[in-house]
Amino acid sequence: MKCLVLGIGNLLRSDDGIGIHIIDSLRKENLDNKIDINEGLSGLDVLDAINGYDRVIIVDAIKSNVEPGTIYKLSLEDLSHKQTLHSYSTHDVDFLTVLKLGSKLFPGKMPNDIIIIAVEAEDITTISEKCTPKVEKAIKEVVELIKGLL
């Protein structure tokens, strides 16, 4: 099975960078060399990144007004009820639309197994490369969750 873990976010906006911080932590792990890791993509660029993979795990921040650092494991169906922060921008289409477009542009090449791991953000506006303490504490748990999914 060809697998990709994709971290999304803005490293310069505190908790919004959680996806990239988790990817950095995963790179330090002894993962199977069949697992690809990438970060920092959004919008239509995601299509090229996920094209041809069997399983994609997307890691992003989420803002749903619960305790910061809360970890979610979401399906695409769940995503239609919650909004991750940076799978799209004001200049891009939302993530579900990107996937629908990908299915039309690349029939049979989009992954059937997509899992979204989202971490509840506390602060996404402060210019900082560091996450808030509660969100920072979630990194190790998310890394272990992802390793279990792989």
C-alpha atoms as a PDB file:
ATOM      1  CA  MET A   1       0.000   0.000   0.000  1.00  0.00           C
ATOM      2  CA  LYS A   2       1.384   3.380  -1.033  1.00  0.00           C
ATOM      3  CA  CYS A   3       0.864   5.902   1.794  1.00  0.00           C
ATOM      4  CA  LEU A   4       1.366   9.652   2.221  1.00  0.00           C
ATOM      5  CA  VAL A   5       1.249  11.739   5.387  1.00  0.00           C
ATOM      6  CA  LEU A   6       0.592  15.388   4.506  1.00  0.00           C
ATOM      7  CA  GLY A   7       0.958  18.217   7.037  1.00  0.00           C
ATOM      8  CA  ILE A   8      -0.945  21.415   6.316  1.00  0.00           C
ATOM      9  CA  GLY A   9      -0.613  24.797   7.984  1.00  0.00           C
ATOM     10  CA  ASN A  10       1.284  28.023   8.338  1.00  0.00           C
ATOM     11  CA  LEU A  11       4.416  27.585  10.428  1.00  0.00           C
ATOM     12  CA  LEU A  12       4.510  31.307  11.272  1.00  0.00           C
ATOM     13  CA  ARG A  13       1.038  31.473  12.889  1.00  0.00           C
ATOM     14  CA  SER A  14       1.478  29.654  16.188  1.00  0.00           C
ATOM     15  CA  ASP A  15      -0.924  26.656  16.468  1.00  0.00           C
ATOM     16  CA  ASP A  16      -1.742  26.849  12.773  1.00  0.00           C
ATOM     17  CA  GLY A  17       1.672  25.260  12.170  1.00  0.00           C
ATOM     18  CA  ILE A  18       0.769  22.058  14.045  1.00  0.00           C
ATOM     19  CA  GLY A  19       0.579  19.982  10.849  1.00  0.00           C
ATOM     20  CA  ILE A  20       4.112  20.966   9.895  1.00  0.00           C
ATOM     21  CA  HIS A  21       5.441  20.428  13.439  1.00  0.00           C
ATOM     22  CA  ILE A  22       3.974  16.912  13.424  1.00  0.00           C
ATOM     23  CA  ILE A  23       5.584  16.174  10.051  1.00  0.00           C
ATOM     24  CA  ASP A  24       8.928  17.359  11.465  1.00  0.00           C
ATOM     25  CA  SER A  25       8.483  14.949  14.400  1.00  0.00           C
ATOM     26  CA  LEU A  26       7.527  12.082  12.079  1.00  0.00           C
ATOM     27  CA  ARG A  27      10.727  12.603  10.089  1.00  0.00           C
ATOM     28  CA  LYS A  28      12.681  11.743  13.260  1.00  0.00           C
ATOM     29  CA  GLU A  29      10.853   8.414  13.603  1.00  0.00           C
ATOM     30  CA  ASN A  30      11.999   5.168  12.042  1.00  0.00           C
ATOM     31  CA  LEU A  31       9.165   4.859   9.517  1.00  0.00           C
ATOM     32  CA  ASP A  32       8.852   2.335   6.720  1.00  0.00           C
ATOM     33  CA  ASN A  33      10.574   3.666   3.609  1.00  0.00           C
ATOM     34  CA  LYS A  34       7.299   3.092   1.714  1.00  0.00           C
ATOM     35  CA  ILE A  35       5.722   5.967   3.662  1.00  0.00           C
ATOM     36  CA  ASP A  36       6.044   9.390   2.042  1.00  0.00           C
ATOM     37  CA  ILE A  37       5.905  12.582   4.092  1.00  0.00           C
ATOM     38  CA  ASN A  38       5.178  16.072   2.769  1.00  0.00           C
ATOM     39  CA  GLU A  39       4.063  19.411   4.198  1.00  0.00           C
ATOM     40  CA  GLY A  40       2.927  22.919   3.481  1.00  0.00           C
ATOM     41  CA  LEU A  41       0.592  22.335   0.537  1.00  0.00           C
ATOM     42  CA  SER A  42      -2.952  23.623   0.169  1.00  0.00           C
ATOM     43  CA  GLY A  43      -5.652  24.108  -2.412  1.00  0.00           C
ATOM     44  CA  LEU A  44      -5.189  22.539  -5.821  1.00  0.00           C
ATOM     45  CA  ASP A  45      -1.540  21.669  -5.054  1.00  0.00           C
ATOM     46  CA  VAL A  46      -2.901  18.907  -2.835  1.00  0.00           C
ATOM     47  CA  LEU A  47      -4.170  17.077  -5.937  1.00  0.00           C
ATOM     48  CA  ASP A  48      -0.682  16.536  -7.315  1.00  0.00           C
ATOM     49  CA  ALA A  49       0.584  15.529  -3.886  1.00  0.00           C
ATOM     50  CA  ILE A  50      -2.057  12.831  -3.240  1.00  0.00           C
ATOM     51  CA  ASN A  51      -2.439  11.542  -6.804  1.00  0.00           C
ATOM     52  CA  GLY A  52      -1.574   7.832  -7.007  1.00  0.00           C
ATOM     53  CA  TYR A  53      -1.601   7.067  -3.266  1.00  0.00           C
ATOM     54  CA  ASP A  54      -3.764   4.360  -1.691  1.00  0.00           C
ATOM     55  CA  ARG A  55      -3.948   6.005   1.737  1.00  0.00           C
ATOM     56  CA  VAL A  56      -3.446   9.655   2.673  1.00  0.00           C
ATOM     57  CA  ILE A  57      -3.300  10.975   6.229  1.00  0.00           C
ATOM     58  CA  ILE A  58      -3.737  14.731   6.387  1.00  0.00           C
ATOM     59  CA  VAL A  59      -2.679  16.612   9.520  1.00  0.00           C
ATOM     60  CA  ASP A  60      -4.074  20.083  10.143  1.00  0.00           C
ATOM     61  CA  ALA A  61      -5.287  22.501  12.802  1.00  0.00           C
ATOM     62  CA  ILE A  62      -8.979  22.875  13.512  1.00  0.00           C
ATOM     63  CA  LYS A  63     -10.984  25.496  15.368  1.00  0.00           C
ATOM     64  CA  SER A  64     -14.224  24.119  16.809  1.00  0.00           C
ATOM     65  CA  ASN A  65     -14.319  25.805  20.219  1.00  0.00           C
ATOM     66  CA  VAL A  66     -13.310  22.853  22.381  1.00  0.00           C
ATOM     67  CA  GLU A  67     -10.250  22.409  24.623  1.00  0.00           C
ATOM     68  CA  PRO A  68      -7.030  23.345  22.763  1.00  0.00           C
ATOM     69  CA  GLY A  69      -4.923  20.298  22.036  1.00  0.00           C
ATOM     70  CA  THR A  70      -7.961  18.047  21.504  1.00  0.00           C
ATOM     71  CA  ILE A  71      -7.171  15.524  18.782  1.00  0.00           C
ATOM     72  CA  TYR A  72      -9.695  14.445  16.170  1.00  0.00           C
ATOM     73  CA  LYS A  73      -9.535  11.532  13.744  1.00  0.00           C
ATOM     74  CA  LEU A  74     -11.936  12.503  10.966  1.00  0.00           C
ATOM     75  CA  SER A  75     -13.236  10.961   7.772  1.00  0.00           C
ATOM     76  CA  LEU A  76     -14.216  12.956   4.715  1.00  0.00           C
ATOM     77  CA  GLU A  77     -17.833  12.706   5.862  1.00  0.00           C
ATOM     78  CA  ASP A  78     -16.860  14.226   9.218  1.00  0.00           C
ATOM     79  CA  LEU A  79     -14.995  16.996   7.420  1.00  0.00           C
ATOM     80  CA  SER A  80     -18.207  18.208   5.822  1.00  0.00           C
ATOM     81  CA  HIS A  81     -19.368  19.166   9.362  1.00  0.00           C
ATOM     82  CA  LYS A  82     -16.079  20.664  10.603  1.00  0.00           C
ATOM     83  CA  GLN A  83     -13.598  22.984   8.969  1.00  0.00           C
ATOM     84  CA  THR A  84      -9.867  22.448   9.168  1.00  0.00           C
ATOM     85  CA  LEU A  85      -8.010  25.713   8.869  1.00  0.00           C
ATOM     86  CA  HIS A  86      -5.630  25.413   5.969  1.00  0.00           C
ATOM     87  CA  SER A  87      -6.681  22.776   3.554  1.00  0.00           C
ATOM     88  CA  TYR A  88      -7.803  25.846   1.636  1.00  0.00           C
ATOM     89  CA  SER A  89      -7.365  29.607   1.630  1.00  0.00           C
ATOM     90  CA  THR A  90      -9.502  32.500   0.437  1.00  0.00           C
ATOM     91  CA  HIS A  91      -7.830  32.046  -2.977  1.00  0.00           C
ATOM     92  CA  ASP A  92      -8.417  28.291  -3.166  1.00  0.00           C
ATOM     93  CA  VAL A  93     -11.408  25.996  -3.108  1.00  0.00           C
ATOM     94  CA  ASP A  94     -12.252  23.968  -0.009  1.00  0.00           C
ATOM     95  CA  PHE A  95     -10.718  20.528   0.498  1.00  0.00           C
ATOM     96  CA  LEU A  96     -13.828  18.492  -0.340  1.00  0.00           C
ATOM     97  CA  THR A  97     -14.211  20.377  -3.627  1.00  0.00           C
ATOM     98  CA  VAL A  98     -10.536  19.749  -4.397  1.00  0.00           C
ATOM     99  CA  LEU A  99     -11.100  16.008  -3.931  1.00  0.00           C
ATOM    100  CA  LYS A 100     -14.205  15.987  -6.128  1.00  0.00           C
ATOM    101  CA  LEU A 101     -12.267  17.804  -8.828  1.00  0.00           C
ATOM    102  CA  GLY A 102      -9.393  15.341  -8.469  1.00  0.00           C
ATOM    103  CA  SER A 103     -11.740  12.407  -8.971  1.00  0.00           C
ATOM    104  CA  LYS A 104     -12.930  13.947 -12.236  1.00  0.00           C
ATOM    105  CA  LEU A 105      -9.479  14.974 -13.474  1.00  0.00           C
ATOM    106  CA  PHE A 106      -7.677  11.795 -12.414  1.00  0.00           C
ATOM    107  CA  PRO A 107     -10.242   8.968 -12.439  1.00  0.00           C
ATOM    108  CA  GLY A 108      -9.042   5.987 -10.437  1.00  0.00           C
ATOM    109  CA  LYS A 109      -5.913   7.783  -9.206  1.00  0.00           C
ATOM    110  CA  MET A 110      -7.255   9.600  -6.145  1.00  0.00           C
ATOM    111  CA  PRO A 111      -6.880   7.767  -2.825  1.00  0.00           C
ATOM    112  CA  ASN A 112      -9.901   5.888  -1.530  1.00  0.00           C
ATOM    113  CA  ASP A 113      -8.621   5.984   2.046  1.00  0.00           C
ATOM    114  CA  ILE A 114      -8.247   9.537   3.394  1.00  0.00           C
ATOM    115  CA  ILE A 115      -7.940  10.202   7.123  1.00  0.00           C
ATOM    116  CA  ILE A 116      -7.775  13.687   8.614  1.00  0.00           C
ATOM    117  CA  ILE A 117      -6.007  14.134  11.941  1.00  0.00           C
ATOM    118  CA  ALA A 118      -6.901  17.547  13.320  1.00  0.00           C
ATOM    119  CA  VAL A 119      -5.680  19.249  16.481  1.00  0.00           C
ATOM    120  CA  GLU A 120      -7.795  21.920  18.154  1.00  0.00           C
ATOM    121  CA  ALA A 121      -5.933  25.222  17.910  1.00  0.00           C
ATOM    122  CA  GLU A 122      -5.865  27.893  20.602  1.00  0.00           C
ATOM    123  CA  ASP A 123      -4.020  30.710  18.813  1.00  0.00           C
ATOM    124  CA  ILE A 124      -3.767  31.017  15.041  1.00  0.00           C
ATOM    125  CA  THR A 125      -3.131  34.764  14.801  1.00  0.00           C
ATOM    126  CA  THR A 126       0.057  35.372  16.786  1.00  0.00           C
ATOM    127  CA  ILE A 127       3.173  35.460  14.642  1.00  0.00           C
ATOM    128  CA  SER A 128       5.234  32.680  16.176  1.00  0.00           C
ATOM    129  CA  GLU A 129       6.928  29.466  15.073  1.00  0.00           C
ATOM    130  CA  LYS A 130       5.912  27.841  18.370  1.00  0.00           C
ATOM    131  CA  CYS A 131       2.592  26.283  19.251  1.00  0.00           C
ATOM    132  CA  THR A 132       0.823  27.130  22.495  1.00  0.00           C
ATOM    133  CA  PRO A 133       1.670  24.711  25.354  1.00  0.00           C
ATOM    134  CA  LYS A 134      -1.590  22.700  25.171  1.00  0.00           C
ATOM    135  CA  VAL A 135      -1.245  22.207  21.423  1.00  0.00           C
ATOM    136  CA  GLU A 136       2.459  21.428  21.709  1.00  0.00           C
ATOM    137  CA  LYS A 137       1.632  18.619  24.158  1.00  0.00           C
ATOM    138  CA  ALA A 138      -0.556  16.962  21.493  1.00  0.00           C
ATOM    139  CA  ILE A 139       2.332  16.458  19.043  1.00  0.00           C
ATOM    140  CA  LYS A 140       3.694  13.245  20.575  1.00  0.00           C
ATOM    141  CA  GLU A 141       0.212  11.731  20.847  1.00  0.00           C
ATOM    142  CA  VAL A 142      -0.579  12.553  17.220  1.00  0.00           C
ATOM    143  CA  VAL A 143       2.741  11.075  16.060  1.00  0.00           C
ATOM    144  CA  GLU A 144       1.889   7.825  17.877  1.00  0.00           C
ATOM    145  CA  LEU A 145      -1.635   7.860  16.420  1.00  0.00           C
ATOM    146  CA  ILE A 146      -0.268   8.266  12.906  1.00  0.00           C
ATOM    147  CA  LYS A 147       2.325   5.527  13.422  1.00  0.00           C
ATOM    148  CA  GLY A 148      -0.526   3.227  14.507  1.00  0.00           C
ATOM    149  CA  LEU A 149      -2.469   4.076  11.354  1.00  0.00           C
ATOM    150  CA  LEU A 150       0.524   3.266   9.179  1.00  0.00           C
END
